[in-house]
Amino acid sequence: MIKMVTAFLTVALLLSAPPITRADEPSDETAITQQVQQAYVDGLLNLGDLERTRAGFHPDFVLLGLRNGQLTRFPIADWIASAEKQKTAGQKPPLTTIRKISIDVTGTAAAVRLELDRAGKLVYTDYLSLYKFADGWKTVGKIYF
């Protein structure tokens, strides 16, 4: 009986302990914030390092929009091609920055609400969906207002 109680208490303690993480690994929220900043804001919106964009977005990503009551789709490959064309033409968009970010993580899924500014004015509110893959967090979808 004592062995059974000891075994039960050991299992209970193990299950209630916080997960063990490496000290040098960023939290999910930190990793997501960095991914959104580097791959999306710096890469796509500000025409920066598009290789980081490719690394931070899943190839099946799609931006969904609502125009005149109709749902529109814009795949990431088309968005990156458009950004590359702008860069090649020497076009530089107004600087876009993050005004506010909120992140909700459940396991390997995350939702990000992002307010984006240009010249101190709110221009978009984005809702990004991310999944955590073996090589890190990847944006898989976006809707916006």
Protein backbone atom coordinates (compact mmCIF):
# COMPACT_ATOMS: atom_id res chain seq x y z
CA MET A 1 0.00 0.00 0.00
CA ILE A 2 2.83 2.43 0.84
CA LYS A 3 4.49 1.69 -2.52
CA MET A 4 1.23 2.42 -4.32
CA VAL A 5 0.75 5.75 -2.48
CA THR A 6 4.39 6.69 -3.16
CA ALA A 7 3.99 5.86 -6.85
CA PHE A 8 0.76 7.87 -7.03
CA LEU A 9 2.37 10.91 -5.37
CA THR A 10 5.40 10.70 -7.66
CA VAL A 11 3.20 10.65 -10.77
CA ALA A 12 1.07 13.50 -9.41
CA LEU A 13 4.17 15.63 -8.76
CA LEU A 14 5.57 14.95 -12.21
CA LEU A 15 2.31 15.86 -13.89
CA SER A 16 1.96 19.10 -11.94
CA ALA A 17 5.54 20.27 -12.55
CA PRO A 18 6.09 22.98 -15.17
CA PRO A 19 7.51 21.75 -18.48
CA ILE A 20 11.27 21.68 -18.73
CA THR A 21 12.59 24.10 -21.34
CA ARG A 22 16.09 25.04 -22.31
CA ALA A 23 17.18 28.36 -20.88
CA ASP A 24 18.48 29.51 -24.27
CA GLU A 25 15.15 28.89 -26.06
CA PRO A 26 12.84 31.88 -26.32
CA SER A 27 9.29 31.58 -25.07
CA ASP A 28 6.65 30.91 -27.71
CA GLU A 29 5.42 34.50 -27.41
CA THR A 30 8.95 35.87 -27.92
CA ALA A 31 9.59 33.56 -30.88
CA ILE A 32 6.25 34.54 -32.47
CA THR A 33 6.88 38.26 -31.93
CA GLN A 34 10.31 37.95 -33.58
CA GLN A 35 8.90 35.91 -36.46
CA VAL A 36 6.10 38.41 -37.10
CA GLN A 37 8.51 41.37 -36.94
CA GLN A 38 11.21 39.85 -39.17
CA ALA A 39 9.23 37.81 -41.70
CA TYR A 40 6.09 39.92 -42.01
CA VAL A 41 6.65 43.54 -40.97
CA ASP A 42 10.34 43.96 -41.90
CA GLY A 43 10.32 41.49 -44.80
CA LEU A 44 7.01 41.90 -46.61
CA LEU A 45 5.58 45.23 -45.53
CA ASN A 46 8.86 47.17 -45.46
CA LEU A 47 10.45 45.26 -48.38
CA GLY A 48 13.34 43.94 -46.32
CA ASP A 49 14.85 40.46 -46.19
CA LEU A 50 12.45 38.33 -48.22
CA GLU A 51 14.42 35.19 -47.36
CA ARG A 52 13.24 35.68 -43.78
CA THR A 53 9.74 36.07 -45.18
CA ARG A 54 10.04 32.77 -47.02
CA ALA A 55 11.31 31.12 -43.83
CA GLY A 56 8.54 32.59 -41.67
CA PHE A 57 5.56 31.82 -43.89
CA HIS A 58 4.28 28.37 -44.76
CA PRO A 59 4.19 27.80 -48.56
CA ASP A 60 0.43 27.18 -48.33
CA PHE A 61 -0.20 30.51 -46.54
CA VAL A 62 -3.10 32.52 -47.89
CA LEU A 63 -4.26 36.05 -47.15
CA LEU A 64 -8.05 36.22 -47.13
CA GLY A 65 -9.76 39.53 -47.74
CA LEU A 66 -13.34 40.74 -47.95
CA ARG A 67 -14.02 43.16 -50.82
CA ASN A 68 -17.51 44.20 -51.86
CA GLY A 69 -18.94 41.20 -50.04
CA GLN A 70 -16.65 38.78 -51.89
CA LEU A 71 -13.87 36.70 -50.36
CA THR A 72 -10.48 37.22 -52.03
CA ARG A 73 -7.39 35.01 -51.77
CA PHE A 74 -3.75 36.07 -52.10
CA PRO A 75 -1.18 33.26 -51.79
CA ILE A 76 2.20 33.98 -50.24
CA ALA A 77 4.06 33.18 -53.48
CA ASP A 78 2.15 35.98 -55.24
CA TRP A 79 2.71 38.39 -52.34
CA ILE A 80 6.47 37.73 -52.30
CA ALA A 81 6.63 38.10 -56.11
CA SER A 82 4.89 41.48 -55.79
CA ALA A 83 7.35 42.57 -53.07
CA GLU A 84 10.32 41.46 -55.21
CA LYS A 85 8.96 43.45 -58.15
CA GLN A 86 8.61 46.56 -55.96
CA LYS A 87 12.17 46.13 -54.64
CA THR A 88 13.57 45.69 -58.15
CA ALA A 89 11.76 48.86 -59.27
CA GLY A 90 13.33 50.74 -56.34
CA GLN A 91 9.98 51.42 -54.70
CA LYS A 92 10.10 52.00 -50.96
CA PRO A 93 6.78 51.92 -49.11
CA PRO A 94 6.14 54.12 -46.07
CA LEU A 95 7.63 52.54 -42.95
CA THR A 96 5.16 50.20 -41.24
CA THR A 97 5.56 49.53 -37.52
CA ILE A 98 3.76 47.47 -34.91
CA ARG A 99 1.59 49.60 -32.65
CA LYS A 100 0.24 46.74 -30.59
CA ILE A 101 0.50 42.96 -30.63
CA SER A 102 -1.42 40.36 -28.68
CA ILE A 103 -0.65 36.66 -28.88
CA ASP A 104 -2.70 33.65 -27.82
CA VAL A 105 -0.89 30.29 -27.85
CA THR A 106 -2.42 26.86 -27.32
CA GLY A 107 0.06 24.05 -27.85
CA THR A 108 1.35 24.30 -31.41
CA ALA A 109 -1.28 26.81 -32.58
CA ALA A 110 -1.24 30.58 -32.15
CA ALA A 111 -3.41 33.55 -33.04
CA VAL A 112 -1.90 37.02 -33.30
CA ARG A 113 -3.79 40.31 -33.34
CA LEU A 114 -1.61 43.02 -34.76
CA GLU A 115 -2.21 46.77 -35.11
CA LEU A 116 0.01 48.34 -37.77
CA ASP A 117 0.99 52.01 -38.06
CA ARG A 118 2.34 54.19 -40.83
CA ALA A 119 3.51 57.67 -39.82
CA GLY A 120 1.78 57.29 -36.46
CA LYS A 121 -1.59 56.42 -38.01
CA LEU A 122 -3.31 53.06 -37.60
CA VAL A 123 -3.60 51.53 -41.09
CA TYR A 124 -4.47 47.87 -40.51
CA THR A 125 -5.58 45.44 -37.87
CA ASP A 126 -4.34 41.99 -38.87
CA TYR A 127 -5.25 38.60 -37.50
CA LEU A 128 -2.52 36.05 -38.18
CA SER A 129 -2.74 32.29 -37.66
CA LEU A 130 0.46 30.38 -36.93
CA TYR A 131 1.48 26.78 -36.37
CA LYS A 132 4.65 25.57 -34.72
CA PHE A 133 6.58 23.22 -37.00
CA ALA A 134 9.83 21.35 -36.30
CA ASP A 135 11.78 24.37 -37.59
CA GLY A 136 9.73 26.96 -35.70
CA TRP A 137 6.60 29.09 -35.94
CA LYS A 138 5.18 29.74 -39.42
CA THR A 139 2.36 32.03 -40.44
CA VAL A 140 -0.28 29.99 -42.26
CA GLY A 141 -3.10 32.50 -42.72
CA LYS A 142 -4.19 36.11 -42.39
CA ILE A 143 -7.37 38.16 -42.37
CA TYR A 144 -7.44 41.90 -41.82
CA PHE A 145 -9.53 44.99 -41.30
